[in-house]
Protein backbone atom coordinates (compact mmCIF):
# COMPACT_ATOMS: atom_id res chain seq x y z
CA MET A 1 -215.92 -8.28 -6.42
CA ARG A 2 -218.15 -5.23 -5.39
CA GLY A 3 -217.88 -1.76 -4.64
CA TYR A 4 -216.36 1.35 -7.04
CA GLY A 5 -213.64 0.95 -9.07
CA VAL A 6 -213.84 -3.10 -9.30
CA SER A 7 -211.79 -4.78 -12.21
CA ILE A 8 -210.59 -7.58 -14.54
CA SER A 9 -207.91 -7.83 -16.77
CA LEU A 10 -205.35 -9.34 -17.25
CA LYS A 11 -201.07 -8.88 -17.12
CA ALA A 12 -198.30 -11.07 -17.34
CA ASN A 13 -200.23 -13.81 -18.72
CA ARG A 14 -202.07 -13.42 -15.59
CA VAL A 15 -205.52 -12.57 -14.13
CA TYR A 16 -206.01 -9.80 -12.22
CA LEU A 17 -208.59 -9.65 -10.20
CA LYS A 18 -209.09 -6.01 -7.90
CA ASP A 19 -212.06 -5.57 -5.66
CA GLY A 20 -213.74 -2.16 -4.98
CA THR A 21 -212.14 0.69 -3.49
CA ASP A 22 -212.33 1.44 0.00
CA PRO A 23 -213.83 4.76 0.84
CA PHE A 24 -211.88 5.26 3.93
CA THR A 25 -208.59 4.29 3.07
CA GLY A 26 -208.36 4.53 -1.18
CA LEU A 27 -207.11 1.12 -1.21
CA ALA A 28 -208.41 -2.10 -3.16
CA GLU A 29 -207.89 -5.52 -2.00
CA LYS A 30 -206.12 -7.36 -5.32
CA LYS A 31 -205.51 -10.90 -6.72
CA GLU A 32 -203.80 -12.55 -9.66
CA TRP A 33 -203.71 -15.95 -10.61
CA PHE A 34 -202.31 -18.01 -13.95
CA VAL A 35 -206.14 -18.77 -15.22
CA THR A 36 -205.36 -22.27 -14.26
CA GLN A 37 -205.20 -22.00 -10.83
CA ILE A 38 -208.29 -19.86 -9.89
CA PRO A 39 -209.87 -21.37 -7.53
CA TYR A 40 -213.57 -19.92 -8.69
CA GLU A 41 -216.11 -21.32 -10.74
CA ARG A 42 -217.77 -17.69 -11.15
CA ILE A 43 -216.95 -14.18 -10.40
CA VAL A 44 -219.58 -12.09 -9.73
CA ILE A 45 -219.41 -8.30 -9.81
CA ALA A 46 -221.43 -5.75 -8.22
CA GLY A 47 -220.43 -2.31 -8.76
CA LYS A 48 -218.79 -0.03 -11.21
CA GLY A 49 -215.66 -0.64 -12.86
CA TYR A 50 -214.43 -2.47 -15.96
CA ILE A 51 -213.76 -5.74 -17.56
CA SER A 52 -211.24 -6.21 -20.23
CA THR A 53 -212.23 -8.44 -23.31
CA ASP A 54 -208.94 -9.93 -23.24
CA ALA A 55 -209.56 -11.28 -19.46
CA ILE A 56 -213.16 -12.57 -20.47
CA GLU A 57 -211.99 -14.27 -23.53
CA LEU A 58 -209.51 -16.59 -21.23
CA LEU A 59 -211.86 -16.68 -18.53
CA THR A 60 -214.71 -18.17 -20.71
CA ASP A 61 -212.23 -20.26 -22.41
CA HIS A 62 -211.46 -22.07 -19.09
CA ASN A 63 -215.50 -22.18 -17.82
CA ILE A 64 -215.30 -19.76 -15.75
CA ASN A 65 -218.46 -17.65 -15.76
CA VAL A 66 -218.70 -14.37 -14.66
CA ILE A 67 -221.92 -12.74 -14.12
CA LEU A 68 -222.77 -9.06 -13.70
CA LEU A 69 -225.32 -7.46 -11.07
CA ASP A 70 -226.81 -4.42 -10.30
CA SER A 71 -227.21 -2.99 -6.60
CA PHE A 72 -230.13 -5.21 -5.80
CA GLY A 73 -228.17 -8.50 -6.83
CA ASN A 74 -230.54 -8.61 -10.31
CA LEU A 75 -228.70 -9.84 -13.50
CA VAL A 76 -227.49 -7.83 -15.89
CA CYS A 77 -224.98 -9.93 -17.99
CA ASN A 78 -223.68 -13.58 -17.72
CA MET A 79 -220.63 -13.76 -19.72
CA SER A 80 -219.64 -17.34 -20.69
CA ARG A 81 -217.85 -19.39 -22.98
CA VAL A 82 -220.53 -20.26 -26.09
CA MET A 83 -221.26 -24.39 -25.70
CA VAL A 84 -221.57 -26.30 -29.16
CA SER A 85 -222.88 -29.56 -27.35
CA ASP A 86 -226.39 -30.58 -26.52
CA THR A 87 -225.55 -31.07 -22.52
CA ALA A 88 -223.56 -27.78 -22.41
CA THR A 89 -226.61 -26.12 -24.02
CA LYS A 90 -228.88 -27.30 -21.83
CA TYR A 91 -226.88 -26.97 -18.88
CA ARG A 92 -226.14 -23.62 -19.61
CA ILE A 93 -229.50 -22.66 -20.24
CA GLY A 94 -230.35 -24.35 -16.23
CA GLN A 95 -228.28 -21.39 -15.22
CA TYR A 96 -230.27 -19.23 -17.13
CA ASP A 97 -233.29 -20.63 -16.02
CA THR A 98 -231.97 -20.03 -12.34
CA PHE A 99 -232.11 -15.59 -12.68
CA ARG A 100 -236.09 -16.79 -13.89
CA ASN A 101 -237.27 -17.88 -10.86
CA PRO A 102 -238.30 -15.57 -8.35
CA GLU A 103 -237.66 -17.08 -5.47
CA LYS A 104 -234.08 -17.71 -6.29
CA VAL A 105 -233.56 -13.84 -7.42
CA LEU A 106 -235.12 -12.84 -4.43
CA TYR A 107 -232.64 -15.16 -2.08
CA LEU A 108 -229.58 -13.65 -4.06
CA GLN A 109 -231.13 -10.05 -3.76
CA LYS A 110 -231.56 -10.97 0.03
CA GLN A 111 -228.28 -12.22 0.17
CA THR A 112 -226.31 -9.07 -1.46
CA LEU A 113 -228.06 -6.89 1.13
CA HIS A 114 -226.95 -9.03 4.08
CA ALA A 115 -223.45 -9.07 2.66
CA LYS A 116 -223.99 -5.27 1.73
CA LEU A 117 -225.23 -4.30 5.40
CA GLU A 118 -222.88 -6.33 6.81
CA SER A 119 -219.71 -4.49 5.63
CA GLN A 120 -221.09 -1.16 7.29
CA ILE A 121 -221.59 -2.91 10.48
CA GLN A 122 -218.35 -4.14 10.40
CA PHE A 123 -216.69 -0.99 9.51
CA TYR A 124 -218.10 0.78 12.01
CA LYS A 125 -217.42 -2.01 14.60
CA SER A 126 -213.91 -1.53 13.86
CA LEU A 127 -213.18 1.64 14.57
CA LYS A 128 -214.11 1.04 18.10
CA LYS A 129 -216.27 4.80 18.52
CA GLU A 130 -219.03 4.65 21.19
CA GLU A 131 -220.77 7.10 19.70
CA LEU A 132 -221.57 4.70 16.81
CA GLY A 133 -222.99 1.95 18.96
CA GLN A 134 -226.52 3.18 18.63
CA CYS A 135 -225.99 2.87 14.65
CA VAL A 136 -225.01 -0.19 14.37
CA LYS A 137 -227.92 -1.88 16.55
CA GLY A 138 -230.31 0.19 13.75
CA LEU A 139 -228.34 -1.41 11.05
CA LEU A 140 -228.21 -4.57 12.70
CA ARG A 141 -232.03 -4.08 13.58
CA TYR A 142 -232.66 -3.86 9.65
CA LYS A 143 -230.66 -6.66 8.41
CA GLU A 144 -233.04 -8.78 11.29
CA ARG A 145 -235.61 -8.31 8.86
CA ILE A 146 -234.04 -8.75 5.40
CA ASP A 147 -235.05 -12.72 6.23
CA LEU A 148 -238.82 -12.19 6.59
CA GLN A 149 -239.37 -10.25 3.95
CA GLN A 150 -240.97 -11.72 0.64
CA ASP A 151 -240.84 -8.65 -2.17
CA LYS A 152 -238.14 -6.68 -3.62
CA ARG A 153 -239.97 -3.32 -2.74
CA ASP A 154 -240.13 -4.12 1.13
CA LEU A 155 -235.94 -4.89 0.25
CA LEU A 156 -235.67 -1.57 -0.99
CA ARG A 157 -237.28 0.04 1.69
CA ILE A 158 -235.10 -1.90 4.16
CA GLU A 159 -231.78 -0.67 2.26
CA ALA A 160 -233.06 2.95 2.05
CA GLY A 161 -234.16 2.91 5.47
CA ALA A 162 -230.51 1.58 6.34
CA GLY A 163 -228.70 3.51 3.60
CA GLN A 164 -229.70 6.79 5.10
CA LEU A 165 -228.99 5.90 8.96
CA TYR A 166 -225.62 4.62 7.77
CA PHE A 167 -224.77 8.02 5.65
CA ARG A 168 -225.76 10.12 8.53
CA TYR A 169 -223.16 8.52 11.30
CA TYR A 170 -221.02 8.69 8.60
CA THR A 171 -220.77 12.20 7.94
CA SER A 172 -220.02 12.74 11.75
CA LEU A 173 -217.03 10.86 11.16
CA PHE A 174 -215.28 14.18 9.19
CA SER A 175 -213.88 17.03 10.64
CA PRO A 176 -216.49 19.98 10.12
CA ASN A 177 -213.14 21.64 8.93
CA TYR A 178 -213.80 19.90 5.57
CA GLY A 179 -217.38 20.87 4.60
CA PHE A 180 -218.61 17.10 3.98
CA ASN A 181 -222.28 17.46 6.24
CA SER A 182 -223.93 14.87 3.78
CA ARG A 183 -223.29 12.41 0.63
CA ASN A 184 -226.55 14.65 -0.51
CA GLY A 185 -225.11 18.16 0.67
CA GLY A 186 -227.31 19.28 3.18
CA HIS A 187 -227.71 21.84 5.94
CA LYS A 188 -224.77 22.22 7.92
CA ASN A 189 -225.98 21.82 11.49
CA ARG A 190 -227.58 18.67 11.10
CA GLN A 191 -226.98 15.82 13.68
CA PRO A 192 -226.46 12.32 13.25
CA LEU A 193 -229.66 10.95 13.28
CA CYS A 194 -230.92 6.34 14.37
CA PHE A 195 -233.72 5.78 12.43
CA GLY A 196 -234.81 2.10 13.17
CA CYS A 197 -232.89 2.17 16.64
CA HIS A 198 -236.23 2.18 18.63
């Protein structure tokens, strides 16, 4: 689960999962299950939202981990049931050690960035606007560079460049009547640019 507005709560004895809100439609994917029917061993959240304590207690009682990541794939919190047996404790320590392994952390960061750029690419493709073609190509080039990187800082540079490219074109989707020129404000006459398209 990722994006703004993600949440995990309980409603009528069901676990209710709500993904991040789509910035254009205002809609968010929603799922609900009885806890014994949830098809996941863990639920990973990268975004801004909330989790009810009742939901955490119910999920962890049924050995379903709730993992919080920041936008770069770094572990923020791993909520799991308190283990009382020696074997279970060693198993849980092994899970924590995964996040202490730089290679595994880098892999997770790469996968998170892959998913983010793929989401942006698929969104622009779905609009079927010819003027977005160059942007899609640029985002694909950024995406192709991810697996070649060996350092978090390099991934941050890729994410920054891809984000700048994405949002320059994003602003062009709005009518000038709305006065939306960039996500950070900016000059009204600024034209969309394509970084990484050469």
